[in-house]
């Protein structure tokens, strides 16, 4: 029963991760699911919907079609919609019911591509995993399909990998990261996947290094490393000192070809501050706090690379395990989404840091941009 969530919500599902990762790329995402759930994928987990709609459709799977295994209706509907919309590509993915009836999405994608003549990706979601898995698979698929070898490298050229509102929350943050890179002598070659189109993403092999700002971008970073020899650095530029260290790590990686995980840096011992969240962003915050004289640990309830966490961090995933780890750590301060307040130790102070993938749009007006020096300003405000 440790997998049961009684108080806190679950994180956005893998299907939402696919929709978020592919949102701006001009493709059509066809989710095989029951009618009425499109609002979850396209609005509750997607702040861009208010300004810029995307081609996100739900098949309207009925009970009878599920029982009879009527895949033809889904295939025909996607082909018909694609003929009307003319998307750059098609992505088909599933939810719990297609998983239960054994829909073969690879075969479905092949049939749709043959009928439509449009490149079609099968993304293997089932609604039972977090957005990390879905977004990571989607970004990797785009990288494998559209990025070609480069004739020359751009010195200090950087790919930003793992950019989705599910983690960045504040829509200004990606622009702030771009500006921070420019201030430190880097040029952005591509951003997977906010602010750039498929043609721009296709130039990613020209970069000298990749900056991974979320676990959702790590699979693409590893692919670029293996396929094109592009090293990667995991971290988000927060706090002046940590941002400077991150910039140095990018330069070093570009020169040596060695990847690095600055987000796992921890200074000091006996941490009385705990952060709960995605490994790379929460780890970067913990590193920044440590450099400012406040040792901090991380609890990451989401899929992560062990290298992105420090030795004293925890990968507790279930509600009960998180509560148990918090009870053991007995932190004085917890920095986490507001909805975690209900499982914190009695005397722990909560500093609210909303996470879009956790609480959706409930607190979207309170999501700060913590890039570089903005982090220190925010921290002084919340500690006052």
Protein backbone atom coordinates (compact mmCIF):
# COMPACT_ATOMS: atom_id res chain seq x y z
CA UNK A 1 0.00 0.00 0.00
CA UNK A 2 3.02 2.32 -0.01
CA UNK A 3 2.21 3.23 -3.61
CA UNK A 4 -1.16 4.69 -2.59
CA UNK A 5 -1.46 8.49 -2.61
CA UNK A 6 -3.88 9.61 0.09
CA UNK A 7 -3.10 13.31 0.53
CA UNK A 8 -0.81 14.78 -2.13
CA UNK A 9 -1.54 14.60 -5.89
CA UNK A 10 0.49 12.62 -8.39
CA UNK A 11 2.77 14.28 -10.93
CA UNK A 12 1.63 14.95 -14.49
CA UNK A 13 1.48 11.74 -16.49
CA UNK A 14 3.72 10.62 -19.35
CA UNK A 15 1.03 11.55 -21.89
CA UNK A 16 1.11 15.15 -20.68
CA UNK A 17 4.89 15.02 -21.00
CA UNK A 18 4.58 14.11 -24.69
CA UNK A 19 2.08 16.91 -25.32
CA UNK A 20 4.29 19.43 -23.55
CA UNK A 21 7.54 18.42 -25.26
CA UNK A 22 6.04 18.52 -28.77
CA UNK A 23 3.71 21.47 -28.23
CA UNK A 24 5.52 24.10 -30.31
CA UNK A 25 6.89 21.92 -33.12
CA UNK A 26 3.98 21.95 -35.57
CA UNK A 27 3.09 18.29 -35.27
CA UNK A 28 -0.19 16.63 -34.41
CA UNK A 29 -0.38 14.65 -31.17
CA UNK A 30 -3.15 12.05 -31.23
CA UNK A 31 -3.76 10.65 -27.75
CA UNK A 32 -5.74 7.40 -27.68
CA UNK A 33 -8.03 8.00 -24.73
CA UNK A 34 -11.63 8.56 -23.73
CA UNK A 35 -13.51 11.71 -24.68
CA UNK A 36 -13.27 14.64 -22.28
CA UNK A 37 -9.70 14.21 -21.02
CA UNK A 38 -8.12 16.58 -23.56
CA UNK A 39 -8.53 19.39 -21.06
CA UNK A 40 -5.97 17.67 -18.83
CA UNK A 41 -3.30 17.42 -21.53
CA UNK A 42 -4.01 20.70 -23.30
CA UNK A 43 -5.03 23.12 -20.54
CA UNK A 44 -4.49 21.93 -16.94
CA UNK A 45 -0.89 20.87 -17.71
CA UNK A 46 -0.24 23.48 -20.39
CA UNK A 47 0.10 27.23 -19.71
CA UNK A 48 0.79 28.01 -23.39
CA UNK A 49 -2.77 27.04 -24.36
CA UNK A 50 -4.09 30.51 -23.53
CA UNK A 51 -1.84 32.20 -26.10
CA UNK A 52 -1.07 29.56 -28.70
CA UNK A 53 -3.12 26.45 -29.40
CA UNK A 54 -1.48 23.27 -30.68
CA UNK A 55 -2.75 20.23 -32.57
CA UNK A 56 -3.48 18.03 -29.57
CA UNK A 57 -6.36 15.63 -30.17
CA UNK A 58 -7.96 12.80 -28.21
CA UNK A 59 -9.47 9.82 -30.00
CA UNK A 60 -12.64 9.60 -27.90
CA UNK A 61 -12.13 5.90 -27.23
CA UNK A 62 -15.47 4.29 -26.37
CA UNK A 63 -16.17 1.26 -24.23
CA UNK A 64 -17.41 -0.70 -27.25
CA UNK A 65 -14.34 0.12 -29.37
CA UNK A 66 -12.11 -0.93 -26.49
CA UNK A 67 -13.93 -4.23 -25.99
CA UNK A 68 -13.91 -5.04 -29.72
CA UNK A 69 -10.33 -3.81 -30.28
CA UNK A 70 -11.46 -1.43 -33.02
CA UNK A 71 -8.12 0.20 -33.87
CA UNK A 72 -9.36 1.08 -37.35
CA UNK A 73 -11.50 3.93 -36.06
CA UNK A 74 -8.48 5.53 -34.35
CA UNK A 75 -6.29 5.07 -37.42
CA UNK A 76 -8.90 6.43 -39.83
CA UNK A 77 -9.66 9.44 -37.63
CA UNK A 78 -5.98 10.38 -37.33
CA UNK A 79 -5.43 10.04 -41.08
CA UNK A 80 -8.53 12.16 -41.79
CA UNK A 81 -7.50 14.88 -39.31
CA UNK A 82 -3.97 14.92 -40.72
CA UNK A 83 -5.33 15.48 -44.22
CA UNK A 84 -7.21 18.54 -42.93
CA UNK A 85 -4.44 19.98 -40.73
CA UNK A 86 -1.29 19.04 -42.71
CA UNK A 87 1.00 18.75 -39.64
CA UNK A 88 4.78 18.53 -39.83
CA UNK A 89 4.60 15.09 -38.22
CA UNK A 90 2.21 12.85 -36.31
CA UNK A 91 2.72 11.43 -32.83
CA UNK A 92 0.45 8.70 -31.47
CA UNK A 93 0.45 7.77 -27.81
CA UNK A 94 -1.76 6.06 -25.28
CA UNK A 95 -3.39 6.08 -21.87
CA UNK A 96 -4.35 3.37 -19.37
CA UNK A 97 -7.16 1.80 -21.42
CA UNK A 98 -5.11 1.18 -24.62
CA UNK A 99 -2.47 -0.38 -22.38
CA UNK A 100 -5.06 -2.73 -20.86
CA UNK A 101 -6.37 -3.87 -24.26
CA UNK A 102 -2.88 -4.17 -25.75
CA UNK A 103 -2.90 -1.57 -28.54
CA UNK A 104 0.24 -1.95 -30.68
CA UNK A 105 1.23 1.68 -31.21
CA UNK A 106 4.22 0.80 -33.37
CA UNK A 107 1.92 -0.99 -35.81
CA UNK A 108 -0.67 1.79 -35.58
CA UNK A 109 2.00 4.42 -36.35
CA UNK A 110 3.29 2.44 -39.33
CA UNK A 111 -0.23 2.11 -40.75
CA UNK A 112 -0.98 5.81 -40.26
CA UNK A 113 2.30 6.84 -41.89
CA UNK A 114 1.64 4.59 -44.88
CA UNK A 115 -1.88 5.98 -45.39
CA UNK A 116 -1.12 9.64 -44.69
CA UNK A 117 2.36 9.96 -46.12
CA UNK A 118 3.32 11.96 -43.01
CA UNK A 119 6.14 10.90 -40.69
CA UNK A 120 4.50 9.27 -37.67
CA UNK A 121 6.07 8.52 -34.29
CA UNK A 122 4.81 5.92 -31.84
CA UNK A 123 5.40 7.12 -28.29
CA UNK A 124 4.84 4.45 -25.69
CA UNK A 125 2.89 6.20 -22.96
CA UNK A 126 0.22 4.58 -20.83
CA UNK A 127 -0.67 7.22 -18.24
CA UNK A 128 0.94 5.13 -15.49
CA UNK A 129 4.29 6.93 -15.47
CA UNK A 130 5.35 10.52 -14.87
CA UNK A 131 5.77 13.28 -17.42
CA UNK A 132 9.53 12.67 -17.29
CA UNK A 133 9.28 9.43 -19.28
CA UNK A 134 6.88 10.83 -21.87
CA UNK A 135 8.71 14.08 -22.52
CA UNK A 136 12.09 12.34 -22.59
CA UNK A 137 10.92 9.82 -25.21
CA UNK A 138 9.34 12.58 -27.30
CA UNK A 139 12.43 14.80 -27.30
CA UNK A 140 14.65 11.82 -28.09
CA UNK A 141 12.42 10.90 -31.04
CA UNK A 142 12.73 14.43 -32.44
CA UNK A 143 16.50 14.36 -31.95
CA UNK A 144 16.89 11.02 -33.69
CA UNK A 145 14.64 11.95 -36.60
CA UNK A 146 15.58 15.55 -37.40
CA UNK A 147 19.13 16.25 -36.20
CA UNK A 148 21.73 15.59 -38.86
CA UNK A 149 25.56 15.61 -38.64
CA UNK A 150 27.07 19.09 -38.81
CA UNK A 151 29.72 20.16 -41.26
CA UNK A 152 31.21 22.43 -38.61
CA UNK A 153 30.82 23.19 -34.90
CA UNK A 154 29.87 26.54 -33.43
CA UNK A 155 32.42 27.49 -30.79
CA UNK A 156 30.61 27.90 -27.46
CA UNK A 157 27.38 26.85 -29.16
CA UNK A 158 24.89 25.36 -26.67
CA UNK A 159 21.81 23.17 -26.91
CA UNK A 160 19.26 23.75 -24.13
CA UNK A 161 17.63 20.38 -23.45
CA UNK A 162 14.57 19.62 -21.35
CA UNK A 163 12.74 22.93 -21.71
CA UNK A 164 9.04 22.48 -20.94
CA UNK A 165 6.64 24.51 -18.78
CA UNK A 166 6.04 21.41 -16.66
CA UNK A 167 9.39 22.09 -14.99
CA UNK A 168 10.20 25.72 -15.79
CA UNK A 169 6.70 26.91 -14.80
CA UNK A 170 7.43 30.60 -15.24
CA UNK A 171 7.27 31.16 -19.00
CA UNK A 172 9.98 33.83 -18.77
CA UNK A 173 12.58 31.45 -17.36
CA UNK A 174 13.69 29.94 -20.68
CA UNK A 175 14.22 33.42 -22.11
CA UNK A 176 16.22 34.30 -18.99
CA UNK A 177 18.40 31.22 -19.47
CA UNK A 178 19.01 32.20 -23.09
CA UNK A 179 19.99 35.69 -21.95
CA UNK A 180 22.27 34.27 -19.24
CA UNK A 181 24.06 32.09 -21.79
CA UNK A 182 24.59 35.09 -24.06
CA UNK A 183 25.98 37.14 -21.17
CA UNK A 184 28.51 34.38 -20.53
CA UNK A 185 29.72 34.19 -24.12
CA UNK A 186 27.59 31.29 -25.34
CA UNK A 187 25.24 31.17 -28.30
CA UNK A 188 22.10 29.05 -28.27
CA UNK A 189 22.02 26.65 -31.22
CA UNK A 190 18.73 24.97 -30.29
CA UNK A 191 16.28 24.69 -27.43
CA UNK A 192 14.42 21.38 -27.01
CA UNK A 193 11.67 22.37 -27.14
CA UNK A 194 10.56 25.93 -26.43
CA UNK A 195 11.03 28.86 -28.76
CA UNK A 196 12.51 26.95 -31.73
CA UNK A 197 11.02 25.16 -34.74
CA UNK A 198 12.01 21.81 -36.24
CA UNK A 199 14.45 23.41 -38.67
CA UNK A 200 16.32 25.08 -35.84
CA UNK A 201 16.33 21.91 -33.74
CA UNK A 202 17.79 20.09 -36.72
CA UNK A 203 20.99 22.15 -36.32
CA UNK A 204 21.65 20.80 -32.81
CA UNK A 205 24.72 18.83 -33.94
CA UNK A 206 26.51 22.13 -34.54
CA UNK A 207 26.66 22.77 -30.77
CA UNK A 208 29.81 22.28 -28.74
CA UNK A 209 27.96 21.36 -25.53
CA UNK A 210 24.43 20.72 -24.23
CA UNK A 211 22.90 22.28 -21.13
CA UNK A 212 20.41 19.84 -19.59
CA UNK A 213 17.95 21.79 -17.44
CA UNK A 214 15.59 18.92 -16.66
CA UNK A 215 15.66 15.14 -16.55
CA UNK A 216 13.34 15.23 -19.58
CA UNK A 217 16.30 16.34 -21.71
CA UNK A 218 18.88 13.82 -20.51
CA UNK A 219 18.03 11.04 -23.00
CA UNK A 220 18.49 13.47 -25.91
CA UNK A 221 21.74 14.74 -24.34
CA UNK A 222 23.11 11.20 -24.10
CA UNK A 223 22.10 10.55 -27.69
CA UNK A 224 23.91 13.69 -28.86
CA UNK A 225 26.95 12.62 -26.86
CA UNK A 226 27.05 9.16 -28.41
CA UNK A 227 26.04 10.16 -31.94
CA UNK A 228 27.80 13.49 -32.38
CA UNK A 229 30.36 13.64 -29.56
CA UNK A 230 28.60 16.56 -27.83
CA UNK A 231 29.17 16.52 -24.05
CA UNK A 232 26.46 17.70 -21.69
CA UNK A 233 26.23 19.56 -18.40
CA UNK A 234 23.28 19.08 -16.04
CA UNK A 235 22.15 22.16 -14.15
CA UNK A 236 19.95 25.24 -14.07
CA UNK A 237 21.59 28.66 -13.62
CA UNK A 238 20.27 29.76 -10.22
CA UNK A 239 22.16 31.95 -7.77
CA UNK A 240 25.17 34.01 -8.77
CA UNK A 241 27.81 31.61 -7.47
CA UNK A 242 26.26 28.43 -8.82
CA UNK A 243 25.52 30.08 -12.16
CA UNK A 244 29.19 31.03 -12.45
CA UNK A 245 30.20 27.45 -11.64
CA UNK A 246 27.73 26.17 -14.24
CA UNK A 247 29.15 28.48 -16.90
CA UNK A 248 32.66 27.23 -16.09
CA UNK A 249 31.41 23.63 -16.35
CA UNK A 250 29.97 24.35 -19.81
CA UNK A 251 33.28 25.80 -20.99
CA UNK A 252 35.22 22.89 -19.55
CA UNK A 253 32.91 20.32 -21.13
CA UNK A 254 33.16 22.03 -24.51
CA UNK A 255 36.97 21.98 -24.27
CA UNK A 256 37.46 18.47 -22.87
CA UNK A 257 34.42 16.58 -24.17
CA UNK A 258 33.63 15.37 -20.64
CA UNK A 259 30.07 15.60 -19.36
CA UNK A 260 29.36 16.93 -15.86
CA UNK A 261 26.63 17.10 -13.19
CA UNK A 262 27.10 20.38 -11.28
CA UNK A 263 23.54 19.96 -9.98
CA UNK A 264 24.82 17.21 -7.67
CA UNK A 265 27.28 19.54 -5.93
CA UNK A 266 26.60 19.91 -2.21
CA UNK A 267 28.57 21.99 0.27
CA UNK A 268 28.46 21.71 4.04
CA UNK A 269 26.93 19.00 6.18
CA UNK A 270 24.02 18.59 8.55
CA UNK A 271 21.52 20.10 6.12
CA UNK A 272 18.44 21.55 7.79
CA UNK A 273 16.89 22.60 4.49
CA UNK A 274 15.25 20.09 2.12
CA UNK A 275 14.02 20.61 -1.41
CA UNK A 276 11.43 18.35 -3.03
CA UNK A 277 11.23 18.20 -6.80
CA UNK A 278 12.79 17.23 -10.11
CA UNK A 279 16.42 16.17 -9.69
CA UNK A 280 18.27 18.68 -11.89
CA UNK A 281 16.29 21.79 -11.00
CA UNK A 282 15.99 20.95 -7.29
CA UNK A 283 19.62 19.86 -7.21
CA UNK A 284 20.72 23.15 -8.73
CA UNK A 285 18.74 25.05 -6.10
CA UNK A 286 20.35 22.95 -3.36
CA UNK A 287 23.81 23.64 -4.77
CA UNK A 288 23.07 27.38 -4.93
CA UNK A 289 21.84 27.37 -1.34
CA UNK A 290 24.94 25.54 -0.18
CA UNK A 291 27.19 28.11 -1.83
CA UNK A 292 25.28 30.83 0.01
CA UNK A 293 25.95 29.11 3.35
CA UNK A 294 22.74 27.09 3.71
CA UNK A 295 23.45 23.38 3.23
CA UNK A 296 20.49 21.64 1.61
CA UNK A 297 19.41 18.15 0.59
CA UNK A 298 17.02 16.97 -2.12
CA UNK A 299 14.15 14.51 -2.18
CA UNK A 300 13.40 13.59 -5.79
CA UNK A 301 10.12 11.65 -6.20
CA UNK A 302 10.59 11.48 -9.99
CA UNK A 303 12.74 9.33 -12.30
CA UNK A 304 16.32 10.55 -12.23
CA UNK A 305 19.92 9.74 -13.02
CA UNK A 306 21.76 8.81 -9.83
CA UNK A 307 24.59 11.12 -10.88
CA UNK A 308 22.25 14.11 -10.63
CA UNK A 309 21.74 13.65 -6.87
CA UNK A 310 24.15 14.14 -4.00
CA UNK A 311 25.15 11.38 -1.59
CA UNK A 312 22.78 12.61 1.12
CA UNK A 313 19.84 13.12 -1.23
CA UNK A 314 16.88 10.75 -1.46
CA UNK A 315 14.94 9.21 -4.31
CA UNK A 316 11.87 8.49 -2.18
CA UNK A 317 8.94 8.35 -4.59
CA UNK A 318 5.74 7.39 -2.77
CA UNK A 319 3.83 9.63 -0.39
CA UNK A 320 4.60 7.44 2.60
CA UNK A 321 8.29 7.13 1.73
CA UNK A 322 8.61 10.90 1.34
CA UNK A 323 6.91 11.45 4.69
CA UNK A 324 9.23 8.88 6.30
CA UNK A 325 12.37 10.50 4.87
CA UNK A 326 11.20 13.93 6.02
CA UNK A 327 10.52 12.56 9.50
CA UNK A 328 14.04 11.12 9.56
CA UNK A 329 15.71 14.30 8.26
CA UNK A 330 13.70 16.61 10.56
CA UNK A 331 14.36 19.69 8.41
CA UNK A 332 13.77 23.18 9.72
CA UNK A 333 12.83 24.41 6.24
CA UNK A 334 11.32 22.64 3.24
CA UNK A 335 11.25 24.25 -0.21
CA UNK A 336 8.56 22.54 -2.26
CA UNK A 337 5.26 22.87 -4.04
CA UNK A 338 2.55 24.23 -1.69
CA UNK A 339 0.60 20.95 -1.86
CA UNK A 340 3.42 19.16 0.00
CA UNK A 341 2.57 21.09 3.18
CA UNK A 342 0.17 18.37 4.28
CA UNK A 343 2.88 15.72 4.78
CA UNK A 344 5.63 17.88 6.29
CA UNK A 345 6.93 17.39 9.84
CA UNK A 346 4.97 19.48 12.31
CA UNK A 347 7.66 22.08 13.02
CA UNK A 348 9.05 22.41 9.49
CA UNK A 349 8.63 25.74 7.73
CA UNK A 350 7.47 25.56 4.11
CA UNK A 351 8.84 27.92 1.49
CA UNK A 352 6.45 27.60 -1.43
CA UNK A 353 7.98 26.90 -4.82
CA UNK A 354 5.15 25.76 -7.12
CA UNK A 355 5.90 23.01 -9.62
CA UNK A 356 3.61 23.05 -12.66
CA UNK A 357 3.91 19.28 -13.14
CA UNK A 358 2.65 18.76 -9.58
CA UNK A 359 -0.03 21.35 -8.84
CA UNK A 360 -0.84 22.46 -12.40
CA UNK A 361 -2.17 25.96 -12.77
CA UNK A 362 -3.26 26.28 -9.13
CA UNK A 363 -0.29 28.48 -8.24
CA UNK A 364 0.98 29.56 -11.67
CA UNK A 365 0.94 33.26 -10.71
CA UNK A 366 3.38 32.47 -7.89
CA UNK A 367 5.99 30.67 -10.01
CA UNK A 368 9.21 32.72 -9.89
CA UNK A 369 11.99 33.06 -12.42
CA UNK A 370 15.08 32.11 -10.39
CA UNK A 371 17.72 32.52 -13.09
CA UNK A 372 21.10 33.75 -11.82
CA UNK A 373 20.76 36.72 -9.41
CA UNK A 374 16.96 36.54 -9.33
CA UNK A 375 17.26 33.53 -7.03
CA UNK A 376 18.91 35.56 -4.28
CA UNK A 377 16.24 38.25 -4.52
CA UNK A 378 13.46 35.66 -4.29
CA UNK A 379 15.11 33.87 -1.38
CA UNK A 380 15.46 37.07 0.65
CA UNK A 381 11.80 37.86 0.02
CA UNK A 382 10.47 34.47 1.12
CA UNK A 383 12.77 34.35 4.16
CA UNK A 384 11.75 37.81 5.35
